[in-house]
Amino acid sequence: SFPTRRSSDLGAHKLMGVVLGGMIISVVEPTLPVAGLILGMSVLGELAPDIDTVNSTISLRIPIIPKIINRKFGHRGLLHSPLFLVLSWLVIGRQNLIGNVFCIGYLGHLVQDLFTCAGLPLLFPFDKKKISLFPYHSGGIMDYVMTSVLIILLLTVNQLI
């Protein structure tokens, strides 16, 4: 059985993953099994960056790897950098729908975290300083407010295209 302990920001990232997956499904119009895979990979992509902390929902399911990653890079280090996203896309995303969906979910996570007070190391590994665009903590009400604003912006842009 899976552990019952949950990450405080699971809801906002999971919500964004579902919305991104739904947007991709609306464009691609896949068969039902592929639509389910798209939705699942989008949510997985949203949750994946937090494998660098031992308390995240994804880390609780595979307890050894997060400890190793966290000791080496810390939380919001390498796995929360644009560099890692680009490398991930080069390895799993290029010319592969499901890999691209995972990377889109991953990007969604990074955008959400950029608005938290903890920020992101945008220039990692050259500069490990974390940049934040808004001073709120993950998991609080403002996390959901900002996620809702981002979703509204995404849906608006999607309608304009």
Protein backbone atom coordinates (compact mmCIF):
# COMPACT_ATOMS: atom_id res chain seq x y z
CA SER A 1 0.00 0.00 0.00
CA PHE A 2 1.05 3.58 -0.60
CA PRO A 3 1.99 5.93 2.25
CA THR A 4 -0.79 8.28 3.28
CA ARG A 5 1.38 11.31 3.98
CA ARG A 6 0.97 13.98 1.31
CA SER A 7 2.89 16.98 0.08
CA SER A 8 1.27 20.29 0.95
CA ASP A 9 1.44 21.54 -2.64
CA LEU A 10 0.20 18.34 -4.27
CA GLY A 11 -3.21 19.81 -5.04
CA ALA A 12 -2.03 22.84 -7.00
CA HIS A 13 0.50 20.86 -9.05
CA LYS A 14 -1.94 18.04 -9.67
CA LEU A 15 -4.62 20.53 -10.74
CA MET A 16 -2.24 22.19 -13.19
CA GLY A 17 -1.22 18.77 -14.54
CA VAL A 18 -4.85 17.84 -15.19
CA VAL A 19 -5.52 21.17 -16.93
CA LEU A 20 -2.40 20.93 -19.11
CA GLY A 21 -3.20 17.33 -19.98
CA GLY A 22 -6.78 18.30 -20.85
CA MET A 23 -5.56 21.09 -23.10
CA ILE A 24 -3.24 18.69 -24.92
CA ILE A 25 -6.06 16.16 -25.30
CA SER A 26 -8.29 18.86 -26.79
CA VAL A 27 -5.66 19.63 -29.43
CA VAL A 28 -4.45 16.09 -30.21
CA GLU A 29 -7.89 14.40 -29.96
CA PRO A 30 -6.41 10.97 -29.17
CA THR A 31 -8.16 7.67 -28.58
CA LEU A 32 -9.44 7.11 -25.05
CA PRO A 33 -6.47 4.98 -23.86
CA VAL A 34 -3.99 7.54 -25.22
CA ALA A 35 -5.99 10.36 -23.62
CA GLY A 36 -5.63 8.61 -20.26
CA LEU A 37 -1.90 8.22 -20.83
CA ILE A 38 -1.61 11.91 -21.74
CA LEU A 39 -3.45 12.95 -18.59
CA GLY A 40 -1.34 10.66 -16.42
CA MET A 41 1.97 11.79 -17.93
CA SER A 42 1.03 15.45 -17.57
CA VAL A 43 0.30 14.98 -13.87
CA LEU A 44 3.47 12.88 -13.45
CA GLY A 45 5.47 15.65 -15.13
CA GLU A 46 3.95 18.15 -12.70
CA LEU A 47 4.90 16.04 -9.69
CA ALA A 48 8.32 14.85 -10.90
CA PRO A 49 10.48 17.87 -9.95
CA ASP A 50 9.63 17.35 -6.29
CA ILE A 51 11.40 13.99 -6.27
CA ASP A 52 14.29 16.08 -4.92
CA THR A 53 12.58 16.35 -1.53
CA VAL A 54 11.87 13.39 0.72
CA ASN A 55 8.41 14.61 1.80
CA SER A 56 6.75 14.98 -1.60
CA THR A 57 3.97 12.69 -2.75
CA ILE A 58 6.09 11.20 -5.51
CA SER A 59 9.09 10.67 -3.19
CA LEU A 60 7.08 8.78 -0.61
CA ARG A 61 6.51 6.06 -3.20
CA ILE A 62 10.23 5.57 -3.92
CA PRO A 63 12.03 6.58 -0.70
CA ILE A 64 15.70 5.88 -1.54
CA ILE A 65 16.17 7.89 -4.77
CA PRO A 66 14.86 11.19 -3.31
CA LYS A 67 17.29 10.95 -0.39
CA ILE A 68 20.22 10.54 -2.79
CA ILE A 69 19.07 13.40 -5.05
CA ASN A 70 18.37 15.68 -2.08
CA ARG A 71 21.81 15.07 -0.55
CA LYS A 72 23.54 15.78 -3.85
CA PHE A 73 21.53 18.78 -5.14
CA GLY A 74 19.08 19.83 -2.41
CA HIS A 75 15.44 20.79 -2.91
CA ARG A 76 14.87 23.17 -5.79
CA GLY A 77 18.34 22.63 -7.15
CA LEU A 78 19.14 20.79 -10.39
CA LEU A 79 15.69 19.23 -10.81
CA HIS A 80 14.02 22.64 -10.51
CA SER A 81 16.22 24.28 -13.15
CA PRO A 82 15.38 25.13 -16.76
CA LEU A 83 18.60 23.32 -17.71
CA PHE A 84 17.24 20.02 -16.39
CA LEU A 85 13.95 20.58 -18.25
CA VAL A 86 15.82 21.16 -21.52
CA LEU A 87 17.97 18.06 -20.95
CA SER A 88 14.83 16.04 -20.17
CA TRP A 89 13.20 17.24 -23.36
CA LEU A 90 16.29 16.32 -25.39
CA VAL A 91 16.28 12.81 -23.89
CA ILE A 92 12.55 11.95 -23.70
CA GLY A 93 10.56 14.68 -25.39
CA ARG A 94 11.87 15.15 -28.89
CA GLN A 95 9.49 13.75 -31.49
CA ASN A 96 7.63 11.74 -28.86
CA LEU A 97 4.14 12.86 -27.83
CA ILE A 98 4.17 11.24 -24.38
CA GLY A 99 7.67 12.56 -23.61
CA ASN A 100 6.57 16.03 -24.70
CA VAL A 101 3.50 15.79 -22.45
CA PHE A 102 5.72 14.86 -19.49
CA CYS A 103 7.98 17.85 -20.23
CA ILE A 104 4.98 20.20 -20.52
CA GLY A 105 3.81 19.04 -17.10
CA TYR A 106 7.35 19.53 -15.77
CA LEU A 107 7.40 23.06 -17.20
CA GLY A 108 4.06 23.74 -15.52
CA HIS A 109 5.59 22.78 -12.17
CA LEU A 110 8.56 25.09 -12.69
CA VAL A 111 6.32 28.02 -13.66
CA GLN A 112 4.18 27.48 -10.56
CA ASP A 113 7.23 27.28 -8.28
CA LEU A 114 8.73 30.40 -9.83
CA PHE A 115 5.90 32.38 -8.21
CA THR A 116 6.63 31.08 -4.69
CA CYS A 117 8.95 32.77 -2.20
CA ALA A 118 11.39 29.84 -2.47
CA GLY A 119 11.80 30.53 -6.20
CA LEU A 120 13.88 28.63 -8.75
CA PRO A 121 17.57 28.53 -9.69
CA LEU A 122 17.01 29.82 -13.22
CA LEU A 123 20.72 29.99 -14.06
CA PHE A 124 21.74 26.67 -12.43
CA PRO A 125 24.55 25.43 -12.48
CA PHE A 126 26.24 28.80 -13.15
CA ASP A 127 24.38 30.58 -10.38
CA LYS A 128 22.45 28.70 -7.70
CA LYS A 129 20.62 31.81 -6.50
CA LYS A 130 16.87 31.22 -6.55
CA ILE A 131 14.65 33.80 -8.21
CA SER A 132 11.10 34.38 -7.02
CA LEU A 133 8.38 36.42 -8.72
CA PHE A 134 5.93 36.49 -5.81
CA PRO A 135 6.33 36.15 -2.02
CA TYR A 136 3.98 33.30 -1.02
CA HIS A 137 4.59 29.80 0.30
CA SER A 138 3.76 26.56 -1.54
CA GLY A 139 0.61 24.84 -0.35
CA GLY A 140 -1.18 27.91 1.00
CA ILE A 141 -4.24 29.68 -0.35
CA MET A 142 -2.10 31.94 -2.55
CA ASP A 143 -0.67 28.84 -4.23
CA TYR A 144 -4.17 27.98 -5.41
CA VAL A 145 -4.97 31.58 -6.31
CA MET A 146 -1.82 31.86 -8.46
CA THR A 147 -2.45 28.43 -10.00
CA SER A 148 -5.99 29.54 -10.87
CA VAL A 149 -4.68 32.74 -12.46
CA LEU A 150 -2.15 30.74 -14.49
CA ILE A 151 -4.87 28.32 -15.60
CA ILE A 152 -7.15 31.17 -16.66
CA LEU A 153 -4.29 32.69 -18.65
CA LEU A 154 -3.53 29.34 -20.30
CA LEU A 155 -7.17 28.76 -21.23
CA THR A 156 -7.49 32.32 -22.55
CA VAL A 157 -4.39 31.99 -24.73
CA ASN A 158 -5.62 28.57 -25.90
CA GLN A 159 -8.90 30.14 -27.05
CA LEU A 160 -7.07 32.91 -28.92
CA ILE A 161 -4.92 30.48 -30.88
